Amino acid sequence: MVTPDFLTPGDKIGLIAPARFITAEQLQPALKLIESWNLVPVLAPNILQPHHQFAGPDSVRAQGMQQLLDDPEIKALWSVRGGYGSIRLLEHLDFSKFKRNPKWLLGYSDVTVFHNVLQNLGIASIHATMPIDLAELPTALGNHQNALEALKQILFGSTPELEFATTASNRSGSGRAALTGGNLSMLYSMCGSPYQVPTSGKILVIEDLDEYLYHIDRMLRNLKNNGLLADLSGLIVGGFTKIHDNSIPFGNTVKEIILDLVKPYDYPVAFDAPTGHIHNNYPLIFGRQANFEVTPRAVSLKYL
């Protein structure tokens, strides 16, 4: 796994919009944050050019992203938001120059598409909050400040440990492996394609938003049928936020669905990890080796 160069003060960070559009007002908190880190924000040309729900037509969004992918002066790429649209760009993007000059890619949710691509290319990336999240938070960032500080530390070369409370549903154990995964809906959408995420021997991270319980069951069964749950070194379950049920209840919670599906396997499972569509969306380094330990007292993730 290739680790991109860490950032130094004065470096340029590119802001890309591969999915839904963002407004200039929504972008302001992130611009201020980037400048407070002594970095220089560079905007993709399409970033403020809405086209229906997207930040421009597919070809325009792809051109904007490609320009910053290829620019050797850009040291990191931060997707301004998710939504939907990243998967529509894959046929238009060329990662050949990026492979020769890799840089950090930041984001989550719909950006899982690009995390998958980079995992298949053997390049580490950062599953982390996005500029749109900063705009939607209250002025007092509260615990979210912890996630932002950890993101800054990672970008500048530190590897903060993650520890969070255990739950009664957790399955104890330990593993040492690289992290991978992301948004369940996007992992599901890429199953069977050349961009399917490799999970064998990895610590898989999953999270999702605004889904029905039966659909979560269906997506996870698809992952299992594709062999993506069989040979893990561990499973980290982040936020499953704003989950819905039908008028006739599905009958199982998210935790019950997951525990039933992984029953044949013996790796550790940790629920309620601070990652995903939550305010304290703690950054995770995909592709980086880590020690993962689940005990009755706590859950810890320590990078090697």
C-alpha atoms as a PDB file:
ATOM      1  CA  MET A   1       0.000   0.000   0.000  1.00  0.00           C
ATOM      2  CA  VAL A   2       1.389   3.376  -1.050  1.00  0.00           C
ATOM      3  CA  THR A   3       1.024   6.221   1.453  1.00  0.00           C
ATOM      4  CA  PRO A   4       0.855   9.680  -0.173  1.00  0.00           C
ATOM      5  CA  ASP A   5       3.231  12.348   1.108  1.00  0.00           C
ATOM      6  CA  PHE A   6       2.025  14.164   4.179  1.00  0.00           C
ATOM      7  CA  LEU A   7       1.335  17.874   3.956  1.00  0.00           C
ATOM      8  CA  THR A   8       3.463  20.790   5.073  1.00  0.00           C
ATOM      9  CA  PRO A   9       2.402  24.429   5.656  1.00  0.00           C
ATOM     10  CA  GLY A  10       1.818  26.237   2.379  1.00  0.00           C
ATOM     11  CA  ASP A  11       0.739  23.123   0.478  1.00  0.00           C
ATOM     12  CA  LYS A  12      -2.282  23.259  -1.796  1.00  0.00           C
ATOM     13  CA  ILE A  13      -5.416  21.215  -1.105  1.00  0.00           C
ATOM     14  CA  GLY A  14      -7.853  20.767  -3.966  1.00  0.00           C
ATOM     15  CA  LEU A  15     -11.591  20.947  -3.381  1.00  0.00           C
ATOM     16  CA  ILE A  16     -13.519  18.717  -5.771  1.00  0.00           C
ATOM     17  CA  ALA A  17     -17.257  18.336  -6.398  1.00  0.00           C
ATOM     18  CA  PRO A  18     -17.809  14.906  -7.997  1.00  0.00           C
ATOM     19  CA  ALA A  19     -21.422  14.536  -6.853  1.00  0.00           C
ATOM     20  CA  ARG A  20     -24.029  17.038  -5.604  1.00  0.00           C
ATOM     21  CA  PHE A  21     -23.531  20.787  -5.788  1.00  0.00           C
ATOM     22  CA  ILE A  22     -22.550  23.098  -2.958  1.00  0.00           C
ATOM     23  CA  THR A  23     -23.115  26.837  -2.577  1.00  0.00           C
ATOM     24  CA  ALA A  24     -20.486  29.498  -1.965  1.00  0.00           C
ATOM     25  CA  GLU A  25     -21.990  30.147   1.461  1.00  0.00           C
ATOM     26  CA  GLN A  26     -21.799  26.456   2.406  1.00  0.00           C
ATOM     27  CA  LEU A  27     -18.170  26.368   1.309  1.00  0.00           C
ATOM     28  CA  GLN A  28     -16.975  29.268   3.466  1.00  0.00           C
ATOM     29  CA  PRO A  29     -16.413  27.393   6.774  1.00  0.00           C
ATOM     30  CA  ALA A  30     -14.125  24.884   5.037  1.00  0.00           C
ATOM     31  CA  LEU A  31     -12.129  27.616   3.290  1.00  0.00           C
ATOM     32  CA  LYS A  32     -11.553  29.317   6.636  1.00  0.00           C
ATOM     33  CA  LEU A  33     -10.566  25.999   8.236  1.00  0.00           C
ATOM     34  CA  ILE A  34      -8.089  25.156   5.469  1.00  0.00           C
ATOM     35  CA  GLU A  35      -6.474  28.580   5.703  1.00  0.00           C
ATOM     36  CA  SER A  36      -6.251  28.244   9.513  1.00  0.00           C
ATOM     37  CA  TRP A  37      -4.211  25.074   8.892  1.00  0.00           C
ATOM     38  CA  ASN A  38      -1.798  27.146   6.752  1.00  0.00           C
ATOM     39  CA  LEU A  39      -2.879  25.371   3.585  1.00  0.00           C
ATOM     40  CA  VAL A  40      -3.991  26.893   0.292  1.00  0.00           C
ATOM     41  CA  PRO A  41      -7.434  25.867  -1.046  1.00  0.00           C
ATOM     42  CA  VAL A  42      -7.754  25.366  -4.797  1.00  0.00           C
ATOM     43  CA  LEU A  43     -11.258  24.989  -6.229  1.00  0.00           C
ATOM     44  CA  ALA A  44     -12.136  22.629  -9.061  1.00  0.00           C
ATOM     45  CA  PRO A  45     -13.553  24.699 -11.965  1.00  0.00           C
ATOM     46  CA  ASN A  46     -17.033  23.146 -11.654  1.00  0.00           C
ATOM     47  CA  ILE A  47     -17.386  23.569  -7.914  1.00  0.00           C
ATOM     48  CA  LEU A  48     -19.986  26.355  -8.024  1.00  0.00           C
ATOM     49  CA  GLN A  49     -21.757  25.372 -11.256  1.00  0.00           C
ATOM     50  CA  PRO A  50     -24.956  23.475 -10.344  1.00  0.00           C
ATOM     51  CA  HIS A  51     -26.656  21.291 -12.943  1.00  0.00           C
ATOM     52  CA  HIS A  52     -29.885  19.846 -11.537  1.00  0.00           C
ATOM     53  CA  GLN A  53     -28.765  18.216  -8.280  1.00  0.00           C
ATOM     54  CA  PHE A  54     -25.175  17.789  -9.491  1.00  0.00           C
ATOM     55  CA  ALA A  55     -22.164  20.133  -9.519  1.00  0.00           C
ATOM     56  CA  GLY A  56     -22.258  20.186 -13.313  1.00  0.00           C
ATOM     57  CA  PRO A  57     -22.881  17.492 -15.952  1.00  0.00           C
ATOM     58  CA  ASP A  58     -20.890  14.276 -15.616  1.00  0.00           C
ATOM     59  CA  SER A  59     -18.253  15.317 -18.139  1.00  0.00           C
ATOM     60  CA  VAL A  60     -17.759  18.713 -16.469  1.00  0.00           C
ATOM     61  CA  ARG A  61     -17.463  17.200 -12.970  1.00  0.00           C
ATOM     62  CA  ALA A  62     -14.994  14.639 -14.289  1.00  0.00           C
ATOM     63  CA  GLN A  63     -12.893  17.310 -16.020  1.00  0.00           C
ATOM     64  CA  GLY A  64     -12.772  19.354 -12.834  1.00  0.00           C
ATOM     65  CA  MET A  65     -11.660  16.367 -10.783  1.00  0.00           C
ATOM     66  CA  GLN A  66      -9.189  15.200 -13.443  1.00  0.00           C
ATOM     67  CA  GLN A  67      -7.501  18.590 -13.494  1.00  0.00           C
ATOM     68  CA  LEU A  68      -6.727  18.395  -9.773  1.00  0.00           C
ATOM     69  CA  LEU A  69      -5.911  14.662  -9.885  1.00  0.00           C
ATOM     70  CA  ASP A  70      -3.159  15.433 -12.401  1.00  0.00           C
ATOM     71  CA  ASP A  71      -1.847  18.679 -10.896  1.00  0.00           C
ATOM     72  CA  PRO A  72       1.477  17.863  -9.145  1.00  0.00           C
ATOM     73  CA  GLU A  73       1.148  20.956  -6.939  1.00  0.00           C
ATOM     74  CA  ILE A  74      -2.048  19.657  -5.325  1.00  0.00           C
ATOM     75  CA  LYS A  75      -1.132  17.522  -2.299  1.00  0.00           C
ATOM     76  CA  ALA A  76      -4.631  16.430  -1.230  1.00  0.00           C
ATOM     77  CA  LEU A  77      -8.130  16.246  -2.699  1.00  0.00           C
ATOM     78  CA  TRP A  78     -11.117  16.937  -0.448  1.00  0.00           C
ATOM     79  CA  SER A  79     -14.588  16.228  -1.804  1.00  0.00           C
ATOM     80  CA  VAL A  80     -16.890  19.064  -0.777  1.00  0.00           C
ATOM     81  CA  ARG A  81     -19.887  16.769  -0.296  1.00  0.00           C
ATOM     82  CA  GLY A  82     -21.467  13.448  -1.170  1.00  0.00           C
ATOM     83  CA  GLY A  83     -25.068  12.831  -2.123  1.00  0.00           C
ATOM     84  CA  TYR A  84     -24.983  10.920  -5.386  1.00  0.00           C
ATOM     85  CA  GLY A  85     -22.952  11.151  -8.568  1.00  0.00           C
ATOM     86  CA  SER A  86     -19.378   9.955  -8.004  1.00  0.00           C
ATOM     87  CA  ILE A  87     -19.987   6.539  -9.554  1.00  0.00           C
ATOM     88  CA  ARG A  88     -21.073   8.243 -12.799  1.00  0.00           C
ATOM     89  CA  LEU A  89     -17.560   9.665 -13.250  1.00  0.00           C
ATOM     90  CA  LEU A  90     -15.531   6.455 -13.214  1.00  0.00           C
ATOM     91  CA  GLU A  91     -15.656   5.872 -16.957  1.00  0.00           C
ATOM     92  CA  HIS A  92     -14.430   9.443 -17.524  1.00  0.00           C
ATOM     93  CA  LEU A  93     -11.464   9.478 -15.122  1.00  0.00           C
ATOM     94  CA  ASP A  94      -7.850   8.456 -15.743  1.00  0.00           C
ATOM     95  CA  PHE A  95      -5.796   7.649 -12.635  1.00  0.00           C
ATOM     96  CA  SER A  96      -2.523   6.918 -14.474  1.00  0.00           C
ATOM     97  CA  LYS A  97      -0.840  10.224 -13.512  1.00  0.00           C
ATOM     98  CA  PHE A  98      -2.319   9.992 -10.029  1.00  0.00           C
ATOM     99  CA  LYS A  99      -0.651   6.579  -9.550  1.00  0.00           C
ATOM    100  CA  ARG A 100       2.723   8.123 -10.356  1.00  0.00           C
ATOM    101  CA  ASN A 101       2.098  11.091  -8.070  1.00  0.00           C
ATOM    102  CA  PRO A 102      -0.431   9.936  -5.414  1.00  0.00           C
ATOM    103  CA  LYS A 103      -2.056  12.420  -3.066  1.00  0.00           C
ATOM    104  CA  TRP A 104      -4.487  12.144  -0.191  1.00  0.00           C
ATOM    105  CA  LEU A 105      -8.161  11.764  -1.022  1.00  0.00           C
ATOM    106  CA  LEU A 106     -10.604  12.838   1.721  1.00  0.00           C
ATOM    107  CA  GLY A 107     -14.317  12.234   2.122  1.00  0.00           C
ATOM    108  CA  TYR A 108     -16.958   9.656   2.959  1.00  0.00           C
ATOM    109  CA  SER A 109     -20.461   8.580   1.933  1.00  0.00           C
ATOM    110  CA  ASP A 110     -20.622   8.824  -1.894  1.00  0.00           C
ATOM    111  CA  VAL A 111     -16.826   9.306  -1.931  1.00  0.00           C
ATOM    112  CA  THR A 112     -16.590   5.604  -0.999  1.00  0.00           C
ATOM    113  CA  VAL A 113     -16.537   5.082  -4.773  1.00  0.00           C
ATOM    114  CA  PHE A 114     -13.084   6.663  -4.973  1.00  0.00           C
ATOM    115  CA  HIS A 115     -11.850   4.968  -1.802  1.00  0.00           C
ATOM    116  CA  ASN A 116     -12.652   1.672  -3.535  1.00  0.00           C
ATOM    117  CA  VAL A 117     -10.751   2.721  -6.646  1.00  0.00           C
ATOM    118  CA  LEU A 118      -7.690   3.673  -4.596  1.00  0.00           C
ATOM    119  CA  GLN A 119      -7.839   0.454  -2.566  1.00  0.00           C
ATOM    120  CA  ASN A 120      -7.657  -1.464  -5.832  1.00  0.00           C
ATOM    121  CA  LEU A 121      -4.724   0.720  -6.925  1.00  0.00           C
ATOM    122  CA  GLY A 122      -2.941   0.142  -3.608  1.00  0.00           C
ATOM    123  CA  ILE A 123      -3.049   3.779  -2.460  1.00  0.00           C
ATOM    124  CA  ALA A 124      -4.093   4.884   1.039  1.00  0.00           C
ATOM    125  CA  SER A 125      -6.874   7.444   1.537  1.00  0.00           C
ATOM    126  CA  ILE A 126      -8.773   9.115   4.382  1.00  0.00           C
ATOM    127  CA  HIS A 127     -12.402   8.398   5.246  1.00  0.00           C
ATOM    128  CA  ALA A 128     -13.352  11.726   6.824  1.00  0.00           C
ATOM    129  CA  THR A 129     -15.836  14.555   7.171  1.00  0.00           C
ATOM    130  CA  MET A 130     -16.451  16.968   4.284  1.00  0.00           C
ATOM    131  CA  PRO A 131     -16.892  20.741   3.854  1.00  0.00           C
ATOM    132  CA  ILE A 132     -20.684  20.464   3.619  1.00  0.00           C
ATOM    133  CA  ASP A 133     -20.684  19.027   7.154  1.00  0.00           C
ATOM    134  CA  LEU A 134     -18.947  22.114   8.515  1.00  0.00           C
ATOM    135  CA  ALA A 135     -21.630  24.335   7.023  1.00  0.00           C
ATOM    136  CA  GLU A 136     -24.433  22.287   8.571  1.00  0.00           C
ATOM    137  CA  LEU A 137     -22.975  22.261  12.087  1.00  0.00           C
ATOM    138  CA  PRO A 138     -23.754  24.853  14.730  1.00  0.00           C
ATOM    139  CA  THR A 139     -21.145  27.499  15.491  1.00  0.00           C
ATOM    140  CA  ALA A 140     -20.056  25.554  18.578  1.00  0.00           C
ATOM    141  CA  LEU A 141     -18.514  22.482  16.988  1.00  0.00           C
ATOM    142  CA  GLY A 142     -18.462  20.497  20.236  1.00  0.00           C
ATOM    143  CA  ASN A 143     -17.164  16.963  19.799  1.00  0.00           C
ATOM    144  CA  HIS A 144     -16.815  17.506  16.056  1.00  0.00           C
ATOM    145  CA  GLN A 145     -13.711  19.524  16.855  1.00  0.00           C
ATOM    146  CA  ASN A 146     -12.063  16.258  17.922  1.00  0.00           C
ATOM    147  CA  ALA A 147     -12.609  14.802  14.461  1.00  0.00           C
ATOM    148  CA  LEU A 148     -11.279  17.923  12.737  1.00  0.00           C
ATOM    149  CA  GLU A 149      -8.157  17.994  14.903  1.00  0.00           C
ATOM    150  CA  ALA A 150      -7.546  14.308  14.185  1.00  0.00           C
ATOM    151  CA  LEU A 151      -7.945  14.959  10.453  1.00  0.00           C
ATOM    152  CA  LYS A 152      -5.384  17.747  10.637  1.00  0.00           C
ATOM    153  CA  GLN A 153      -2.979  15.476  12.518  1.00  0.00           C
ATOM    154  CA  ILE A 154      -3.274  12.753   9.882  1.00  0.00           C
ATOM    155  CA  LEU A 155      -2.732  15.166   6.988  1.00  0.00           C
ATOM    156  CA  PHE A 156       0.436  16.498   8.622  1.00  0.00           C
ATOM    157  CA  GLY A 157       1.864  13.074   9.443  1.00  0.00           C
ATOM    158  CA  SER A 158       0.536  11.922  12.817  1.00  0.00           C
ATOM    159  CA  THR A 159      -1.616   8.843  13.373  1.00  0.00           C
ATOM    160  CA  PRO A 160      -3.976   9.489  16.291  1.00  0.00           C
ATOM    161  CA  GLU A 161      -5.334   6.432  18.037  1.00  0.00           C
ATOM    162  CA  LEU A 162      -9.070   5.871  18.206  1.00  0.00           C
ATOM    163  CA  GLU A 163     -10.758   4.527  21.327  1.00  0.00           C
ATOM    164  CA  PHE A 164     -14.487   4.419  21.976  1.00  0.00           C
ATOM    165  CA  ALA A 165     -16.946   2.799  24.362  1.00  0.00           C
ATOM    166  CA  THR A 166     -17.956  -0.800  23.909  1.00  0.00           C
ATOM    167  CA  THR A 167     -21.578  -1.971  23.633  1.00  0.00           C
ATOM    168  CA  ALA A 168     -23.311  -5.152  24.761  1.00  0.00           C
ATOM    169  CA  SER A 169     -23.687  -6.200  21.100  1.00  0.00           C
ATOM    170  CA  ASN A 170     -19.945  -6.133  20.382  1.00  0.00           C
ATOM    171  CA  ARG A 171     -18.026  -9.320  19.724  1.00  0.00           C
ATOM    172  CA  SER A 172     -14.673  -9.377  21.487  1.00  0.00           C
ATOM    173  CA  GLY A 173     -11.399 -10.212  19.819  1.00  0.00           C
ATOM    174  CA  SER A 174      -8.447  -8.632  18.081  1.00  0.00           C
ATOM    175  CA  GLY A 175      -6.972  -8.343  14.623  1.00  0.00           C
ATOM    176  CA  ARG A 176      -4.100  -6.696  12.795  1.00  0.00           C
ATOM    177  CA  ALA A 177      -4.835  -5.594   9.254  1.00  0.00           C
ATOM    178  CA  ALA A 178      -5.470  -2.663   6.934  1.00  0.00           C
ATOM    179  CA  LEU A 179      -8.744  -0.733   7.039  1.00  0.00           C
ATOM    180  CA  THR A 180     -11.111  -0.556   4.098  1.00  0.00           C
ATOM    181  CA  GLY A 181     -14.790  -0.034   3.318  1.00  0.00           C
ATOM    182  CA  GLY A 182     -17.055   2.989   3.719  1.00  0.00           C
ATOM    183  CA  ASN A 183     -20.691   3.601   2.905  1.00  0.00           C
ATOM    184  CA  LEU A 184     -22.661   0.353   2.692  1.00  0.00           C
ATOM    185  CA  SER A 185     -24.878   1.508  -0.177  1.00  0.00           C
ATOM    186  CA  MET A 186     -21.841   2.371  -2.285  1.00  0.00           C
ATOM    187  CA  LEU A 187     -20.013  -0.855  -1.425  1.00  0.00           C
ATOM    188  CA  TYR A 188     -23.167  -2.696  -2.469  1.00  0.00           C
ATOM    189  CA  SER A 189     -23.455  -0.728  -5.730  1.00  0.00           C
ATOM    190  CA  MET A 190     -19.905  -1.703  -6.750  1.00  0.00           C
ATOM    191  CA  CYS A 191     -20.183  -5.426  -6.012  1.00  0.00           C
ATOM    192  CA  GLY A 192     -19.373  -7.508  -9.080  1.00  0.00           C
ATOM    193  CA  SER A 193     -17.692  -4.606 -10.861  1.00  0.00           C
ATOM    194  CA  PRO A 194     -13.963  -3.996 -11.417  1.00  0.00           C
ATOM    195  CA  TYR A 195     -14.182  -1.472  -8.576  1.00  0.00           C
ATOM    196  CA  GLN A 196     -15.410  -3.938  -5.941  1.00  0.00           C
ATOM    197  CA  VAL A 197     -13.481  -3.310  -2.748  1.00  0.00           C
ATOM    198  CA  PRO A 198     -11.004  -6.047  -1.719  1.00  0.00           C
ATOM    199  CA  THR A 199     -11.823  -7.141   1.848  1.00  0.00           C
ATOM    200  CA  SER A 200      -9.962 -10.421   2.394  1.00  0.00           C
ATOM    201  CA  GLY A 201      -7.793 -10.121   5.498  1.00  0.00           C
ATOM    202  CA  LYS A 202      -8.917  -6.507   6.055  1.00  0.00           C
ATOM    203  CA  ILE A 203     -10.762  -4.639   8.793  1.00  0.00           C
ATOM    204  CA  LEU A 204     -14.016  -3.635   7.113  1.00  0.00           C
ATOM    205  CA  VAL A 205     -15.734  -0.358   8.040  1.00  0.00           C
ATOM    206  CA  ILE A 206     -19.414   0.168   7.172  1.00  0.00           C
ATOM    207  CA  GLU A 207     -21.891   3.016   7.759  1.00  0.00           C
ATOM    208  CA  ASP A 208     -25.044   4.357   6.122  1.00  0.00           C
ATOM    209  CA  LEU A 209     -27.809   6.940   6.195  1.00  0.00           C
ATOM    210  CA  ASP A 210     -31.536   7.119   5.475  1.00  0.00           C
ATOM    211  CA  GLU A 211     -32.082   3.448   4.601  1.00  0.00           C
ATOM    212  CA  TYR A 212     -34.802   0.935   5.378  1.00  0.00           C
ATOM    213  CA  LEU A 213     -33.991  -2.057   7.555  1.00  0.00           C
ATOM    214  CA  TYR A 214     -34.933  -4.533   4.830  1.00  0.00           C
ATOM    215  CA  HIS A 215     -32.617  -2.759   2.389  1.00  0.00           C
ATOM    216  CA  ILE A 216     -29.709  -2.928   4.861  1.00  0.00           C
ATOM    217  CA  ASP A 217     -30.381  -6.658   5.169  1.00  0.00           C
ATOM    218  CA  ARG A 218     -30.430  -7.011   1.376  1.00  0.00           C
ATOM    219  CA  MET A 219     -27.206  -5.064   0.862  1.00  0.00           C
ATOM    220  CA  LEU A 220     -25.318  -6.990   3.542  1.00  0.00           C
ATOM    221  CA  ARG A 221     -26.516 -10.308   2.124  1.00  0.00           C
ATOM    222  CA  ASN A 222     -25.180  -9.199  -1.245  1.00  0.00           C
ATOM    223  CA  LEU A 223     -21.796  -8.456   0.345  1.00  0.00           C
ATOM    224  CA  LYS A 224     -21.862 -11.846   2.029  1.00  0.00           C
ATOM    225  CA  ASN A 225     -22.828 -13.646  -1.193  1.00  0.00           C
ATOM    226  CA  ASN A 226     -19.891 -11.939  -2.918  1.00  0.00           C
ATOM    227  CA  GLY A 227     -17.538 -13.240  -0.218  1.00  0.00           C
ATOM    228  CA  LEU A 228     -16.842  -9.794   1.242  1.00  0.00           C
ATOM    229  CA  LEU A 229     -17.724 -10.751   4.833  1.00  0.00           C
ATOM    230  CA  ALA A 230     -16.026 -14.138   5.022  1.00  0.00           C
ATOM    231  CA  ASP A 231     -12.310 -13.500   5.528  1.00  0.00           C
ATOM    232  CA  LEU A 232     -12.222 -10.272   7.513  1.00  0.00           C
ATOM    233  CA  SER A 233      -9.823  -9.490  10.325  1.00  0.00           C
ATOM    234  CA  GLY A 234     -12.519  -7.378  11.943  1.00  0.00           C
ATOM    235  CA  LEU A 235     -15.710  -5.430  11.348  1.00  0.00           C
ATOM    236  CA  ILE A 236     -16.261  -1.822  12.459  1.00  0.00           C
ATOM    237  CA  VAL A 237     -19.855  -0.597  12.288  1.00  0.00           C
ATOM    238  CA  GLY A 238     -20.208   3.171  12.295  1.00  0.00           C
ATOM    239  CA  GLY A 239     -23.323   5.294  12.320  1.00  0.00           C
ATOM    240  CA  PHE A 240     -26.467   3.898  10.782  1.00  0.00           C
ATOM    241  CA  THR A 241     -28.364   7.158  10.921  1.00  0.00           C
ATOM    242  CA  LYS A 242     -32.040   7.955  10.263  1.00  0.00           C
ATOM    243  CA  ILE A 243     -32.931   4.322   9.640  1.00  0.00           C
ATOM    244  CA  HIS A 244     -36.538   3.561   8.628  1.00  0.00           C
ATOM    245  CA  ASP A 245     -38.916   0.638   8.979  1.00  0.00           C
ATOM    246  CA  ASN A 246     -42.099  -0.309   7.122  1.00  0.00           C
ATOM    247  CA  SER A 247     -45.584  -0.188   8.630  1.00  0.00           C
ATOM    248  CA  ILE A 248     -45.234  -3.929   9.135  1.00  0.00           C
ATOM    249  CA  PRO A 249     -41.953  -4.090  11.119  1.00  0.00           C
ATOM    250  CA  PHE A 250     -38.978  -5.856   9.573  1.00  0.00           C
ATOM    251  CA  GLY A 251     -38.373  -7.533  12.928  1.00  0.00           C
ATOM    252  CA  ASN A 252     -34.626  -7.003  13.427  1.00  0.00           C
ATOM    253  CA  THR A 253     -32.474  -4.017  14.328  1.00  0.00           C
ATOM    254  CA  VAL A 254     -29.338  -3.110  12.373  1.00  0.00           C
ATOM    255  CA  LYS A 255     -27.190  -4.762  15.031  1.00  0.00           C
ATOM    256  CA  GLU A 256     -29.278  -7.935  14.932  1.00  0.00           C
ATOM    257  CA  ILE A 257     -29.091  -8.075  11.128  1.00  0.00           C
ATOM    258  CA  ILE A 258     -25.302  -7.759  11.180  1.00  0.00           C
ATOM    259  CA  LEU A 259     -24.697 -10.229  14.011  1.00  0.00           C
ATOM    260  CA  ASP A 260     -26.889 -12.831  12.308  1.00  0.00           C
ATOM    261  CA  LEU A 261     -24.987 -12.490   9.022  1.00  0.00           C
ATOM    262  CA  VAL A 262     -21.509 -12.714  10.583  1.00  0.00           C
ATOM    263  CA  LYS A 263     -22.423 -15.577  12.924  1.00  0.00           C
ATOM    264  CA  PRO A 264     -20.385 -18.137  10.904  1.00  0.00           C
ATOM    265  CA  TYR A 265     -17.200 -16.077  11.314  1.00  0.00           C
ATOM    266  CA  ASP A 266     -15.051 -15.489  14.380  1.00  0.00           C
ATOM    267  CA  TYR A 267     -13.575 -11.992  13.890  1.00  0.00           C
ATOM    268  CA  PRO A 268     -14.193  -9.099  16.313  1.00  0.00           C
ATOM    269  CA  VAL A 269     -17.153  -6.789  15.684  1.00  0.00           C
ATOM    270  CA  ALA A 270     -17.509  -3.269  17.101  1.00  0.00           C
ATOM    271  CA  PHE A 271     -20.708  -1.231  16.872  1.00  0.00           C
ATOM    272  CA  ASP A 272     -21.329   2.496  17.337  1.00  0.00           C
ATOM    273  CA  ALA A 273     -17.920   3.566  16.040  1.00  0.00           C
ATOM    274  CA  PRO A 274     -17.666   7.368  15.675  1.00  0.00           C
ATOM    275  CA  THR A 275     -17.603   7.337  11.878  1.00  0.00           C
ATOM    276  CA  GLY A 276     -20.165   8.048   9.172  1.00  0.00           C
ATOM    277  CA  HIS A 277     -23.107  10.442   9.012  1.00  0.00           C
ATOM    278  CA  ILE A 278     -22.630  11.743  12.534  1.00  0.00           C
ATOM    279  CA  HIS A 279     -21.264  15.018  13.900  1.00  0.00           C
ATOM    280  CA  ASN A 280     -18.109  13.505  15.361  1.00  0.00           C
ATOM    281  CA  ASN A 281     -17.111  11.719  12.150  1.00  0.00           C
ATOM    282  CA  TYR A 282     -13.651  10.573  13.185  1.00  0.00           C
ATOM    283  CA  PRO A 283     -11.162  10.144  10.301  1.00  0.00           C
ATOM    284  CA  LEU A 284      -9.911   6.682   9.386  1.00  0.00           C
ATOM    285  CA  ILE A 285      -6.926   5.866   7.166  1.00  0.00           C
ATOM    286  CA  PHE A 286      -8.007   3.308   4.590  1.00  0.00           C
ATOM    287  CA  GLY A 287      -5.161   1.083   3.498  1.00  0.00           C
ATOM    288  CA  ARG A 288      -3.170   1.670   6.696  1.00  0.00           C
ATOM    289  CA  GLN A 289      -2.311  -1.303   8.924  1.00  0.00           C
ATOM    290  CA  ALA A 290      -3.745  -1.120  12.431  1.00  0.00           C
ATOM    291  CA  ASN A 291      -4.264  -3.133  15.594  1.00  0.00           C
ATOM    292  CA  PHE A 292      -7.982  -3.517  16.242  1.00  0.00           C
ATOM    293  CA  GLU A 293      -9.087  -4.738  19.661  1.00  0.00           C
ATOM    294  CA  VAL A 294     -12.569  -5.208  21.086  1.00  0.00           C
ATOM    295  CA  THR A 295     -12.892  -5.962  24.795  1.00  0.00           C
ATOM    296  CA  PRO A 296     -15.790  -5.755  27.277  1.00  0.00           C
ATOM    297  CA  ARG A 297     -14.284  -2.449  28.428  1.00  0.00           C
ATOM    298  CA  ALA A 298     -13.446  -0.544  25.240  1.00  0.00           C
ATOM    299  CA  VAL A 299     -12.666  -0.650  21.534  1.00  0.00           C
ATOM    300  CA  SER A 300      -9.301   0.567  20.260  1.00  0.00           C
ATOM    301  CA  LEU A 301      -7.731   1.137  16.873  1.00  0.00           C
ATOM    302  CA  LYS A 302      -3.996   1.823  16.816  1.00  0.00           C
ATOM    303  CA  TYR A 303      -2.139   2.369  13.536  1.00  0.00           C
ATOM    304  CA  LEU A 304       1.164   0.591  12.998  1.00  0.00           C
END
